[in-house]
C-alpha cells in the first residue's frame, strides 16, 4: 500500500510536512505545531525501553568507585608533613 501511495503521488507524511512548512511561513504557529505533532512519530520514532541484565540473565550490578584527591593538603604539594 505504501508503494502505491508513493507511485500515485504525495504521501500522507509529505502532505503533513508541506502543510507544517506552509503554516510556519504564514505565521500560523498553532497549525504548524499541530502538523508537526502529527508528523513527529514518522520522522522521530520513540525510543524503545531496554532492559539490561548481568551475567547469566541475573540482575545488573553497577559498582561506582569514587576517588577523592585533596588538593589543599601538604601531601599533594610534596611536603608529606615535613616542615
N, C-alpha and C. Protein backbone atom coordinates (compact mmCIF):
# COMPACT_ATOMS: atom_id res chain seq x y z
N UNK A 1 0.83 -1.19 0.00
CA UNK A 1 0.00 0.00 0.00
C UNK A 1 0.87 1.25 0.00
N UNK A 2 1.98 1.22 0.76
CA UNK A 2 2.87 2.37 0.82
C UNK A 2 3.49 2.66 -0.54
N UNK A 3 3.87 1.60 -1.25
CA UNK A 3 4.45 1.77 -2.58
C UNK A 3 3.43 2.39 -3.54
N UNK A 4 2.18 1.98 -3.42
CA UNK A 4 1.13 2.52 -4.28
C UNK A 4 0.91 4.01 -3.99
N UNK A 5 0.93 4.38 -2.70
CA UNK A 5 0.74 5.78 -2.32
C UNK A 5 1.85 6.64 -2.91
N UNK A 6 3.08 6.15 -2.88
CA UNK A 6 4.20 6.90 -3.44
C UNK A 6 4.06 7.00 -4.96
N UNK A 7 3.67 5.90 -5.59
CA UNK A 7 3.52 5.89 -7.05
C UNK A 7 2.40 6.81 -7.53
N UNK A 8 1.35 6.93 -6.71
CA UNK A 8 0.20 7.75 -7.10
C UNK A 8 0.43 9.23 -6.83
N UNK A 9 1.45 9.56 -6.10
CA UNK A 9 1.69 10.98 -5.81
C UNK A 9 2.15 11.19 -4.39
N UNK A 10 1.63 12.19 -3.78
CA UNK A 10 2.07 12.62 -2.46
C UNK A 10 1.61 11.65 -1.38
N UNK A 11 2.49 11.37 -0.43
CA UNK A 11 2.14 10.50 0.70
C UNK A 11 1.54 11.35 1.83
N UNK A 12 0.83 10.73 2.74
CA UNK A 12 0.28 11.48 3.86
C UNK A 12 1.34 12.25 4.65
N UNK A 13 2.49 11.64 4.86
CA UNK A 13 3.56 12.33 5.58
C UNK A 13 4.04 13.55 4.81
N UNK A 14 4.21 13.40 3.51
CA UNK A 14 4.64 14.55 2.70
C UNK A 14 3.63 15.69 2.79
N UNK A 15 2.34 15.37 2.78
CA UNK A 15 1.31 16.40 2.90
C UNK A 15 1.38 17.10 4.25
N UNK A 16 1.53 16.32 5.30
CA UNK A 16 1.61 16.91 6.65
C UNK A 16 2.82 17.83 6.74
N UNK A 17 3.97 17.39 6.22
CA UNK A 17 5.17 18.22 6.27
C UNK A 17 5.02 19.48 5.42
N UNK A 18 4.39 19.35 4.26
CA UNK A 18 4.15 20.52 3.40
C UNK A 18 3.27 21.53 4.13
N UNK A 19 2.20 21.05 4.76
CA UNK A 19 1.32 21.96 5.49
C UNK A 19 2.03 22.60 6.67
N UNK A 20 2.86 21.81 7.38
CA UNK A 20 3.60 22.34 8.51
C UNK A 20 4.48 23.52 8.07
N UNK A 21 5.20 23.33 6.96
CA UNK A 21 6.08 24.40 6.46
C UNK A 21 5.27 25.61 5.99
N UNK A 22 4.15 25.35 5.33
CA UNK A 22 3.30 26.44 4.85
C UNK A 22 2.75 27.25 6.02
N UNK A 23 2.20 26.56 7.02
CA UNK A 23 1.65 27.25 8.18
C UNK A 23 2.73 28.04 8.92
N UNK A 24 3.92 27.47 9.01
CA UNK A 24 5.01 28.16 9.68
C UNK A 24 5.38 29.43 8.93
N UNK A 25 5.48 29.34 7.62
CA UNK A 25 5.81 30.52 6.80
C UNK A 25 4.75 31.60 6.90
N UNK A 26 3.51 31.19 7.07
CA UNK A 26 2.40 32.15 7.18
C UNK A 26 2.23 32.68 8.61
N UNK A 27 3.06 32.18 9.53
CA UNK A 27 2.96 32.64 10.91
C UNK A 27 1.82 31.99 11.69
N UNK A 28 1.24 30.95 11.14
CA UNK A 28 0.16 30.22 11.81
C UNK A 28 0.79 29.11 12.66
N UNK A 29 1.42 29.54 13.75
CA UNK A 29 2.22 28.62 14.53
C UNK A 29 1.42 27.52 15.19
N UNK A 30 0.19 27.79 15.58
CA UNK A 30 -0.64 26.75 16.19
C UNK A 30 -0.92 25.62 15.20
N UNK A 31 -1.23 25.99 13.96
CA UNK A 31 -1.48 24.97 12.93
C UNK A 31 -0.19 24.25 12.56
N UNK A 32 0.93 25.00 12.52
CA UNK A 32 2.22 24.37 12.22
C UNK A 32 2.58 23.36 13.29
N UNK A 33 2.31 23.72 14.56
CA UNK A 33 2.60 22.80 15.65
C UNK A 33 1.73 21.55 15.57
N UNK A 34 0.46 21.72 15.25
CA UNK A 34 -0.42 20.56 15.10
C UNK A 34 0.11 19.60 14.03
N UNK A 35 0.54 20.16 12.91
CA UNK A 35 1.07 19.33 11.83
C UNK A 35 2.38 18.66 12.26
N UNK A 36 3.22 19.40 12.98
CA UNK A 36 4.49 18.84 13.44
C UNK A 36 4.26 17.67 14.40
N UNK A 37 3.29 17.81 15.28
CA UNK A 37 2.97 16.73 16.23
C UNK A 37 2.50 15.48 15.49
N UNK A 38 1.73 15.69 14.43
CA UNK A 38 1.24 14.54 13.65
C UNK A 38 2.36 13.88 12.86
N UNK A 39 3.34 14.65 12.41
CA UNK A 39 4.44 14.09 11.60
C UNK A 39 5.54 13.48 12.47
N UNK A 40 5.69 13.97 13.69
CA UNK A 40 6.82 13.58 14.54
C UNK A 40 7.01 12.07 14.68
N UNK A 41 5.97 11.27 14.93
CA UNK A 41 6.19 9.82 15.10
C UNK A 41 6.80 9.14 13.86
N UNK A 42 6.59 9.73 12.69
CA UNK A 42 7.12 9.13 11.47
C UNK A 42 8.55 9.60 11.19
N UNK A 43 8.89 10.77 11.70
CA UNK A 43 10.21 11.33 11.46
C UNK A 43 11.17 11.02 12.61
N UNK A 44 10.63 11.03 13.83
CA UNK A 44 11.43 10.78 15.03
C UNK A 44 10.76 9.70 15.86
N UNK A 45 11.00 8.43 15.56
CA UNK A 45 10.34 7.36 16.31
C UNK A 45 10.72 7.40 17.80
N UNK A 46 9.80 6.97 18.65
CA UNK A 46 10.06 6.92 20.09
C UNK A 46 11.14 5.88 20.39
N UNK A 47 11.93 6.16 21.41
CA UNK A 47 12.93 5.21 21.84
C UNK A 47 12.27 4.04 22.54
N UNK A 48 12.81 2.88 22.35
CA UNK A 48 12.28 1.68 22.99
C UNK A 48 12.95 1.50 24.35
N UNK A 49 12.24 0.91 25.26
CA UNK A 49 12.81 0.59 26.56
C UNK A 49 13.75 -0.59 26.42
N UNK A 50 14.91 -0.48 27.04
CA UNK A 50 15.90 -1.56 27.01
C UNK A 50 16.18 -2.00 28.43
N UNK A 51 16.12 -3.28 28.66
CA UNK A 51 16.41 -3.81 29.99
C UNK A 51 17.78 -4.46 29.95
N UNK A 52 18.64 -4.00 30.85
CA UNK A 52 19.99 -4.55 30.92
C UNK A 52 20.03 -5.64 31.98
N UNK A 53 20.74 -6.71 31.68
CA UNK A 53 20.88 -7.79 32.66
C UNK A 53 22.35 -8.10 32.84
N UNK A 54 22.65 -8.70 33.97
CA UNK A 54 24.02 -9.07 34.27
C UNK A 54 24.34 -10.45 33.73
N UNK A 55 25.35 -11.06 34.32
CA UNK A 55 25.80 -12.38 33.90
C UNK A 55 24.69 -13.40 34.04
N UNK A 56 24.56 -14.24 33.05
CA UNK A 56 23.57 -15.33 33.03
C UNK A 56 22.14 -14.85 33.27
N UNK A 57 21.84 -13.65 32.80
CA UNK A 57 20.48 -13.13 32.90
C UNK A 57 20.10 -12.59 34.27
N UNK A 58 21.03 -12.58 35.19
CA UNK A 58 20.78 -12.05 36.52
C UNK A 58 20.71 -10.53 36.52
N UNK A 59 20.54 -9.96 37.70
CA UNK A 59 20.45 -8.51 37.79
C UNK A 59 21.79 -7.85 37.44
N UNK A 60 21.70 -6.68 36.85
CA UNK A 60 22.89 -5.92 36.51
C UNK A 60 23.39 -5.22 37.77
N UNK A 61 24.67 -5.42 38.07
CA UNK A 61 25.27 -4.80 39.25
C UNK A 61 26.26 -3.75 38.76
N UNK A 62 26.06 -2.53 39.22
CA UNK A 62 26.94 -1.44 38.85
C UNK A 62 27.67 -0.99 40.10
N UNK A 63 28.99 -0.96 40.03
CA UNK A 63 29.79 -0.55 41.17
C UNK A 63 30.40 0.81 40.84
N UNK A 64 30.11 1.78 41.68
CA UNK A 64 30.66 3.12 41.48
C UNK A 64 31.84 3.29 42.42
N UNK A 65 32.94 3.76 41.88
CA UNK A 65 34.14 3.98 42.67
C UNK A 65 34.44 5.47 42.62
N UNK A 66 34.58 6.06 43.78
CA UNK A 66 34.86 7.49 43.85
C UNK A 66 36.26 7.69 44.42
N UNK A 67 37.05 8.46 43.73
CA UNK A 67 38.39 8.76 44.19
C UNK A 67 38.46 10.25 44.46
N UNK A 68 38.84 10.60 45.68
CA UNK A 68 38.91 12.00 46.07
C UNK A 68 40.37 12.37 46.26
N UNK A 69 40.77 13.42 45.61
CA UNK A 69 42.13 13.93 45.76
C UNK A 69 42.04 15.26 46.47
N UNK A 70 42.73 15.37 47.58
CA UNK A 70 42.72 16.63 48.33
C UNK A 70 43.82 17.52 47.78
N UNK A 71 43.41 18.59 47.15
CA UNK A 71 44.39 19.48 46.54
C UNK A 71 44.97 20.47 47.53
N UNK A 72 44.36 20.64 48.69
CA UNK A 72 44.85 21.63 49.65
C UNK A 72 45.83 21.02 50.64
N UNK A 73 45.94 19.70 50.71
CA UNK A 73 46.78 19.06 51.71
C UNK A 73 48.26 19.14 51.37
N UNK A 74 49.13 19.08 52.37
CA UNK A 74 50.57 19.17 52.13
C UNK A 74 51.11 17.98 51.36
N UNK A 75 50.44 16.81 51.40
CA UNK A 75 50.91 15.63 50.68
C UNK A 75 50.93 15.87 49.18
N UNK A 76 49.97 16.59 48.70
CA UNK A 76 49.86 16.85 47.27
C UNK A 76 50.99 17.75 46.80
N UNK A 77 51.42 18.65 47.65
CA UNK A 77 52.46 19.59 47.29
C UNK A 77 53.86 19.02 47.48
N UNK A 78 53.98 17.77 47.88
CA UNK A 78 55.26 17.14 48.04
C UNK A 78 55.86 17.30 49.42
N UNK A 79 55.14 17.93 50.34
CA UNK A 79 55.69 18.16 51.69
C UNK A 79 55.64 16.90 52.52
N UNK A 80 54.60 16.11 52.36
CA UNK A 80 54.37 14.87 53.12
C UNK A 80 54.53 15.10 54.62
N UNK A 81 54.09 16.24 55.09
CA UNK A 81 54.10 16.52 56.53
C UNK A 81 55.42 17.06 57.04
N UNK A 82 56.42 17.24 56.18
CA UNK A 82 57.72 17.76 56.63
C UNK A 82 57.66 19.26 56.74
N UNK A 83 58.33 19.79 57.75
CA UNK A 83 58.41 21.25 57.90
C UNK A 83 59.81 21.64 58.19
